[in-house]
Amino acid sequence: MVKIRLQRMGSKFSPIYKIVVADARAPRDGRFIESLGFYDPQKKVVRVNLEKTYRWLHIGAQTTNTVRTIFSKKGIFETFLEQKHSA
């Protein structure tokens, strides 16, 4: 199964997360298939490549709970569901 999840980067007390597509069996900070963007929880910054994200969601990639929350706050998940139901 393929998942869209967070990969921890940054230093010890200032984490930055890459939003990546990875095999569910791969380690958290291990190998990934494609990078979709990043999330900085301290500055509350989220940057996502929407085209790549929608493509992976259409293929059937599952999101983790944290990524689903981030996408919902940005309106990405709702837009995807509207596109899915209109097609």
Protein backbone atom coordinates (compact mmCIF):
# COMPACT_ATOMS: atom_id res chain seq x y z
CA MET A 1 0.00 0.00 0.00
CA VAL A 2 1.20 3.52 -0.79
CA LYS A 3 0.76 6.27 1.79
CA ILE A 4 1.10 10.03 1.80
CA ARG A 5 2.86 10.82 5.05
CA LEU A 6 5.36 13.07 6.82
CA GLN A 7 9.13 12.55 6.80
CA ARG A 8 10.96 14.36 9.59
CA MET A 9 13.78 16.72 8.66
CA GLY A 10 15.41 19.67 10.43
CA SER A 11 17.38 19.86 13.63
CA LYS A 12 16.74 18.48 17.09
CA PHE A 13 14.28 21.07 18.43
CA SER A 14 13.04 22.60 15.19
CA PRO A 15 11.47 19.91 13.06
CA ILE A 16 10.44 20.43 9.45
CA TYR A 17 8.52 17.72 7.66
CA LYS A 18 8.54 16.74 4.01
CA ILE A 19 5.20 15.49 2.71
CA VAL A 20 6.09 12.36 0.76
CA VAL A 21 4.55 9.37 -0.99
CA ALA A 22 6.07 6.19 0.41
CA ASP A 23 5.46 2.48 0.69
CA ALA A 24 3.66 1.78 3.97
CA ARG A 25 6.35 -0.77 4.91
CA ALA A 26 9.22 1.72 4.54
CA PRO A 27 10.65 3.44 7.66
CA ARG A 28 9.38 6.93 8.52
CA ASP A 29 12.57 8.67 7.43
CA GLY A 30 13.52 6.05 4.86
CA ARG A 31 13.00 5.59 1.18
CA PHE A 32 10.15 7.43 -0.53
CA ILE A 33 8.65 7.45 -4.02
CA GLU A 34 8.00 11.17 -4.54
CA SER A 35 8.10 14.40 -2.55
CA LEU A 36 4.88 16.46 -2.59
CA GLY A 37 5.84 19.43 -0.43
CA PHE A 38 6.77 20.40 3.11
CA TYR A 39 5.23 21.41 6.45
CA ASP A 40 6.82 23.67 9.07
CA PRO A 41 4.78 23.35 12.29
CA GLN A 42 6.56 26.20 14.09
CA LYS A 43 5.88 28.79 11.38
CA LYS A 44 2.59 27.12 10.35
CA VAL A 45 3.75 27.00 6.71
CA VAL A 46 2.50 24.34 4.30
CA ARG A 47 3.61 24.15 0.68
CA VAL A 48 2.19 21.39 -1.49
CA ASN A 49 2.38 20.63 -5.20
CA LEU A 50 -1.35 20.24 -5.85
CA GLU A 51 -1.01 18.56 -9.24
CA LYS A 52 1.16 15.75 -7.84
CA THR A 53 -1.02 15.42 -4.74
CA TYR A 54 -4.28 15.06 -6.71
CA ARG A 55 -2.60 12.54 -9.04
CA TRP A 56 -1.54 10.33 -6.11
CA LEU A 57 -4.94 10.62 -4.43
CA HIS A 58 -6.66 9.58 -7.69
CA ILE A 59 -4.31 6.60 -7.96
CA GLY A 60 -5.45 5.51 -4.49
CA ALA A 61 -2.70 6.58 -2.09
CA GLN A 62 -3.91 6.63 1.51
CA THR A 63 -3.15 9.61 3.76
CA THR A 64 -2.07 9.36 7.37
CA ASN A 65 -4.26 11.11 9.96
CA THR A 66 -1.81 14.01 10.33
CA VAL A 67 -1.53 14.60 6.59
CA ARG A 68 -5.32 14.36 6.23
CA THR A 69 -5.68 17.07 8.90
CA ILE A 70 -3.13 19.31 7.15
CA PHE A 71 -4.84 18.79 3.78
CA SER A 72 -8.27 19.51 5.30
CA LYS A 73 -7.08 22.79 6.80
CA LYS A 74 -5.67 23.85 3.41
CA GLY A 75 -8.85 22.73 1.60
CA ILE A 76 -6.97 20.18 -0.50
CA PHE A 77 -8.96 17.16 0.60
CA GLU A 78 -12.35 18.82 0.06
CA THR A 79 -11.34 19.95 -3.44
CA PHE A 80 -10.21 16.42 -4.26
CA LEU A 81 -13.52 14.95 -3.07
CA GLU A 82 -15.47 17.48 -5.18
CA GLN A 83 -13.40 16.58 -8.25
CA LYS A 84 -13.88 12.89 -7.57
CA HIS A 85 -17.68 13.14 -7.25
CA SER A 86 -18.11 15.45 -10.25
CA ALA A 87 -16.18 13.11 -12.57
